[in-house]
Amino acid sequence: MFKKILISALILLMFLSVKGIAAQAEGLTVIHKQLSEVAATVELDETISVKYTNQTDSKIEIINGSKVLFSDKAALGKYEDVYLVSNKDIQHVIVTKRLEGTGGTLSFKVLQINGPNIKLTYQSVDYSKARINLKEGKIQVQYPVYKAGDSNTKPSNELIDEISINTGEKTTLTPNSTDQAKANSFSISSTGGEETPQERIKRIASTVTGKNPANQELSKKLTEKALENGIPPEILKAIAWQESTWRQFYSDGTPVIGFDGLGIGLMQITDTTLSDEEIKRLMTDIDYNLQKGINILLEKWNYGNKRIPTINNNDQELIENWYFAIMAYNGISMKNDPLQSSTTYQDKIYNHIKNYGLLETTPFPKEVLDGNIYYNEAGSLYFKELSIKIPGPFTTTAHNINNSQIVRVTGDSVNVRTSPTGTVAFKARKGELLQIAGAYRYDGSNTNHFVWYPVKKQNSSTVYYISSAYLEKFYTDVKQDGWYVDGIRYLSQLSISNGYPDGTFKPNSNVSRAEAVKMIGVALSLDGTLKKTIFPDVKPEMYASGYIDATYKLDIVNGYPDGTFKPEKSITRGEMAFIMKKAFNYPDSYKKAFSDVPSNKFYYSAVNALKEAAVLEGYEDGTFRPDQPITRAEFATLLANQLN
């Protein structure tokens, strides 16, 4: 009896063993390694290893013995995972990389190994905030689908792409089949059982609860921190809205975590190198999270002229100049390439500024990037030219107007209220001048990113409230119906011409040679860094020294026979025409435009050329008065005509 039982047991064991071998032969063997170090070499099996560095510009190599089979680079990104998938005699390596930025742009490559050789069999598209699993010989990519108005943490939908490791065939699973796909998928644990970055964040988040501040308090935080760090508040508020809809916590008190399981909190900070303590603080401390986001945005601004283009004179106060820094905050990728996508992250931010801040900005003219964007072999986006000129007008923040300052209404028939949420007292006309009557107040809605200024009419004590979006600083000595008002306003928006500390513009004052050269230099985006010049009467610390040096080297201006420049000397109308002609490359013109401009004067052809181009005008009596000093109002009109 015992012998029969033993024989039966042996037969059953043999059957189970054979069945196990068959299952192993038919299935997959998967080795997964997280690439979590700054630099390391990891072994996938006895012959294949992976050497990588994860820094600002990362690199990876797949090595068989001493031979490099494959290498790849990631500009402003990191390699996350590598998988060795073996199925009978076929081996594939899957390499994933994720670009820096809140977009969490993920891509991967599938490589087939055949002895000492390797070939690329599949290159994925860029996925925003995606997660990867493996399922029975397929790569499963779960990713969000955003509609207009969605924040990065709350997409309208999600999809799953399944890619066959062997054939590269791709199938997109509809939302109806998503649950089934999730049930069938499995996550591969790293060799050694390391915790994935997403698992670590989920573990820490499970210990945290909190409550969001009131919208008015958060608007105040965003505004004050933005101004403190030299960022237009409209930009910071729009980014915080796009990332999290102004939330640090969900309604149930749990911390806001991105779809990819990596982004944290209000500003969706994504950094897998942080310690557990730092990650927890990003979840619990909204001020810390906000400052981290600000630091990242400023870091991206400083990529200018290195990794991303600067715009015009790179003035940080102009909202339009932040276009590429905003792009980099989310990620320098094809999804944010304006020549490839109509829904780039930076366009979403400017739309939020318009829709929630009620502030009109000049749309970025994407055609200036034609021929300027290219992709290297690794698929990284680069710019050929790192200094880009775009036309204005340009926009500054409406959050920095001081008490008692005169402001100009920029909209048509703007509501002026008895209180921020009160009834409409009257409608202000475009161009109407008002006076600020105290500190602004914050709105209680997270979809109103503007502030409310208390204002009063001139020579009145009654206080009303108006949205900051419809106000701009104006000069106390500039008449709103003056012939020169549009020129002054235009140059002020371009930060080319500024007023005086007392709030005046002094439109009837003469323009000095130094002032003229500085304004032209700014308009041409020349280097205005203070420096030593060849002129003994221009000191290095003099405000226009850099522009004087730059325009002299370009043969736009010259000094006097005695070697001086005479920076404080008033410039005449004829001299200004001569300089403008050289600065903006007008051809000579000998068609006499004014009776009082002699043909033997050095400025004769310049005056004629600018008159033909409708850049300058004379006086009502038909004269030009070339030897008369040009006033600030006249020069503002002249330069505005040239630029606009």
Foldseek 3Di string as FASTA:
>chain_A
DVVVVVVVVVVVVVVVVVVVVVVVQQFKDKAKDFPPDQWDKADPDPFWIKTKGFDQKIKIFIGGHNDTQDMFIDHQKGKTMWMWIDHNPKIKIKTKIFHDALQRWIWIWIWIDDPRHIDTQDTGATAGLWDWFDFGQWIKIKGADADQPAAQADHPAIWIWIAGSVHRDIDIDDRVCVVVVVVRTDHDAHVVRDQGLLNLLVVLLVVFFDDADFLQVLLVLLCVVCVVLLAQSLLSLLQLCRHPNRWQADPVGGGRAGSSSAFHGSNGDGDSNDDSVVSNCCSYPVSSVSVVLVVLLVVLLVCFPPFAAFEQLNNNQWPVRSQRSQQPNHHQALQQQVVRHPDHRSVSSQVLCCQQAVADADDDPSVQQVVQWDADPNRGIGGNDRYHYDADQTDGHLQDDDAFFKKFFADAQFFWALDPPHDGPGTDGGGAIWGFHDHWGGDRDSSHSWTWTWIGHPPDDRTIIGTSNGIDGAAPPDDSPDPLVVLVVRLVSLVLADDDPVRHNQQFAFAFQLSLLSSLCSVNSHDQQQDDAQAPVDDSVHNRNSSVRRCVVLVLDDDDPVRHNRRGHFAFQLRSLSSVCSSVVFDFDQPQQAPPQDPPDPSRRSVVRCVVVVLADDDPVRHNRRGHGDGNSRVSSSVSSVRD
